[in-house]
Amino acid sequence: MRLRAMHLLLKMFLVGCVALLSGAPLAFGDQMPSNKLASTSQANTNQIETFTQPKTLDELLALSPEQLDKVDVALMNLLCAEGLRGSENLDVQSCLDTLDAWARHVRRETDRNFHRFAEHPEQFDKSLVYYRMGMLGTVLAQDLEINTIRNASNNYFMARLNLIR
């Protein structure tokens, strides 16, 4: 059961990453410094904190479209897993804590390696977004050891997760 829950968490994390990255050029611009990102992120966090996040799928489904805009994307994805096979023992808060830990680690590594972009932007097509996407993929694969492997016997994607807390 734990493997299925982790499989579900991985899928949701990757969906969230794609959603985040697809809006990255709009949200961050191509040259926004890291300290501006932190203030933007803090402002968004303050807005989210004034809204009571749903705790169940029923609560989520009862929200208006305006309220849905305020729901944490990862939480929304996890709540939508309610009732699906393999999610019986899904601990939503633990999954959110794990995603937050992964995001913090990716942020630290992206900031720590920023000199690579600053010194050789041509290696990243002179695009800060391209650099960040590359760092996300690198940190997920190398540091967190998140790799998908197609298992021919059951067609499930499995992940080897090394959680950073």
Protein backbone atom coordinates (compact mmCIF):
# COMPACT_ATOMS: atom_id res chain seq x y z
CA MET A 1 0.00 0.00 0.00
CA ARG A 2 2.79 2.45 0.83
CA LEU A 3 4.24 2.02 -2.67
CA ARG A 4 0.88 2.92 -4.23
CA ALA A 5 0.56 5.98 -2.02
CA MET A 6 4.08 7.08 -2.94
CA HIS A 7 3.29 6.39 -6.62
CA LEU A 8 0.26 8.63 -6.33
CA LEU A 9 2.29 11.30 -4.55
CA LEU A 10 4.94 11.21 -7.27
CA LYS A 11 2.37 11.59 -10.03
CA MET A 12 0.76 14.53 -8.27
CA PHE A 13 4.13 16.14 -7.61
CA LEU A 14 5.06 15.86 -11.26
CA VAL A 15 1.69 17.28 -12.34
CA GLY A 16 2.23 20.18 -9.96
CA CYS A 17 5.73 20.75 -11.33
CA VAL A 18 4.41 20.86 -14.88
CA ALA A 19 1.68 23.29 -13.84
CA LEU A 20 4.20 25.46 -12.02
CA LEU A 21 6.68 25.39 -14.86
CA SER A 22 4.09 26.13 -17.52
CA GLY A 23 3.30 29.36 -15.70
CA ALA A 24 6.90 30.10 -14.75
CA PRO A 25 7.64 32.63 -17.53
CA LEU A 26 4.52 34.56 -16.62
CA ALA A 27 5.03 34.39 -12.88
CA PHE A 28 8.75 34.96 -12.66
CA GLY A 29 9.77 36.65 -15.87
CA ASP A 30 13.02 35.64 -17.46
CA GLN A 31 15.35 37.64 -15.25
CA MET A 32 13.66 38.09 -11.86
CA PRO A 33 16.19 37.86 -9.02
CA SER A 34 15.77 35.28 -6.31
CA ASN A 35 14.95 37.83 -3.57
CA LYS A 36 12.00 39.11 -5.60
CA LEU A 37 10.79 35.53 -5.96
CA ALA A 38 10.81 35.16 -2.19
CA SER A 39 8.75 38.33 -1.69
CA THR A 40 6.29 37.27 -4.40
CA SER A 41 6.03 33.83 -2.83
CA GLN A 42 5.52 35.38 0.63
CA ALA A 43 2.75 37.62 -0.69
CA ASN A 44 1.02 34.61 -2.26
CA THR A 45 1.40 32.64 0.97
CA ASN A 46 -0.21 35.45 2.97
CA GLN A 47 -3.19 35.45 0.61
CA ILE A 48 -3.60 31.68 0.86
CA GLU A 49 -3.42 31.71 4.67
CA THR A 50 -6.54 33.90 4.97
CA PHE A 51 -8.56 31.23 3.14
CA THR A 52 -9.49 28.02 4.98
CA GLN A 53 -8.22 25.15 2.85
CA PRO A 54 -10.62 22.20 2.34
CA LYS A 55 -9.87 19.00 4.21
CA THR A 56 -11.94 16.52 2.18
CA LEU A 57 -12.97 15.98 -1.42
CA ASP A 58 -16.56 16.90 -0.52
CA GLU A 59 -15.40 20.23 0.90
CA LEU A 60 -13.33 20.83 -2.23
CA LEU A 61 -16.26 20.07 -4.54
CA ALA A 62 -18.51 22.46 -2.60
CA LEU A 63 -16.26 25.46 -3.31
CA SER A 64 -17.13 28.18 -5.80
CA PRO A 65 -14.80 28.84 -8.75
CA GLU A 66 -13.47 31.94 -6.96
CA GLN A 67 -12.66 29.87 -3.88
CA LEU A 68 -11.05 27.11 -5.99
CA ASP A 69 -8.52 29.68 -7.21
CA LYS A 70 -7.31 29.96 -3.60
CA VAL A 71 -6.85 26.23 -2.98
CA ASP A 72 -3.26 24.97 -2.85
CA VAL A 73 -2.65 23.02 -6.08
CA ALA A 74 -0.94 20.11 -4.34
CA LEU A 75 -3.75 19.87 -1.80
CA MET A 76 -6.34 19.90 -4.58
CA ASN A 77 -4.56 17.05 -6.37
CA LEU A 78 -4.25 15.00 -3.20
CA LEU A 79 -7.89 15.53 -2.24
CA CYS A 80 -8.96 14.42 -5.72
CA ALA A 81 -7.29 11.08 -5.00
CA GLU A 82 -9.86 10.38 -2.28
CA GLY A 83 -11.62 7.11 -3.01
CA LEU A 84 -9.18 5.99 -5.70
CA ARG A 85 -7.64 2.54 -5.46
CA GLY A 86 -4.33 2.75 -3.62
CA SER A 87 -5.19 5.94 -1.73
CA GLU A 88 -6.86 4.25 1.23
CA ASN A 89 -4.03 5.12 3.62
CA LEU A 90 -2.98 8.37 1.97
CA ASP A 91 -1.86 10.86 4.61
CA VAL A 92 -2.50 14.18 2.87
CA GLN A 93 -0.61 16.29 5.40
CA SER A 94 2.43 14.01 5.28
CA CYS A 95 2.42 14.24 1.49
CA LEU A 96 2.17 18.04 1.63
CA ASP A 97 5.05 18.14 4.13
CA THR A 98 7.12 15.95 1.80
CA LEU A 99 6.37 18.16 -1.20
CA ASP A 100 7.32 21.25 0.84
CA ALA A 101 10.60 19.60 1.85
CA TRP A 102 11.36 18.72 -1.78
CA ALA A 103 10.52 22.27 -2.89
CA ARG A 104 12.81 23.75 -0.23
CA HIS A 105 15.63 21.46 -1.31
CA VAL A 106 15.15 22.34 -5.00
CA ARG A 107 15.15 26.05 -4.08
CA ARG A 108 18.37 25.70 -2.05
CA GLU A 109 20.15 23.83 -4.82
CA THR A 110 18.90 26.21 -7.52
CA ASP A 111 20.14 29.21 -5.53
CA ARG A 112 23.43 27.49 -4.64
CA ASN A 113 24.17 26.74 -8.29
CA PHE A 114 22.98 30.07 -9.66
CA HIS A 115 26.59 31.05 -10.37
CA ARG A 116 26.52 28.52 -13.21
CA PHE A 117 23.80 30.52 -14.94
CA ALA A 118 25.39 33.87 -14.11
CA GLU A 119 28.80 32.81 -15.46
CA HIS A 120 27.57 30.98 -18.58
CA PRO A 121 23.99 31.97 -19.47
CA GLU A 122 24.53 30.69 -23.03
CA GLN A 123 24.57 27.14 -21.63
CA PHE A 124 20.93 27.74 -20.65
CA ASP A 125 19.82 29.57 -23.80
CA LYS A 126 20.17 32.79 -21.79
CA SER A 127 16.91 31.88 -20.07
CA LEU A 128 16.49 31.87 -16.32
CA VAL A 129 13.38 29.70 -16.70
CA TYR A 130 15.36 27.15 -18.72
CA TYR A 131 18.02 27.11 -15.98
CA ARG A 132 15.41 26.59 -13.26
CA MET A 133 13.67 23.80 -15.15
CA GLY A 134 17.03 22.09 -15.65
CA MET A 135 17.83 22.41 -11.96
CA LEU A 136 14.41 21.00 -11.02
CA GLY A 137 14.99 17.94 -13.19
CA THR A 138 18.55 17.50 -11.97
CA VAL A 139 17.68 17.79 -8.27
CA LEU A 140 14.70 15.43 -8.62
CA ALA A 141 16.79 12.81 -10.40
CA GLN A 142 20.17 13.12 -8.67
CA ASP A 143 19.49 14.37 -5.14
CA LEU A 144 16.03 13.02 -4.43
CA GLU A 145 16.53 9.96 -6.65
CA ILE A 146 13.08 10.26 -8.17
CA ASN A 147 13.15 8.15 -11.30
CA THR A 148 10.24 6.51 -13.07
CA ILE A 149 10.76 2.97 -14.23
CA ARG A 150 8.22 1.12 -16.33
CA ASN A 151 7.57 -2.25 -14.75
CA ALA A 152 6.40 -4.60 -17.51
CA SER A 153 4.73 -7.03 -15.10
CA ASN A 154 2.19 -4.58 -13.66
CA ASN A 155 2.53 -1.41 -15.78
CA TYR A 156 2.82 0.75 -12.69
CA PHE A 157 5.37 3.49 -12.51
CA MET A 158 7.50 3.00 -9.46
CA ALA A 159 9.70 5.51 -7.74
CA ARG A 160 12.65 5.22 -5.44
CA LEU A 161 12.25 8.13 -3.08
CA ASN A 162 14.91 9.48 -0.81
CA LEU A 163 13.07 12.08 1.26
CA ILE A 164 14.89 15.17 2.41
CA ARG A 165 13.51 16.72 5.59
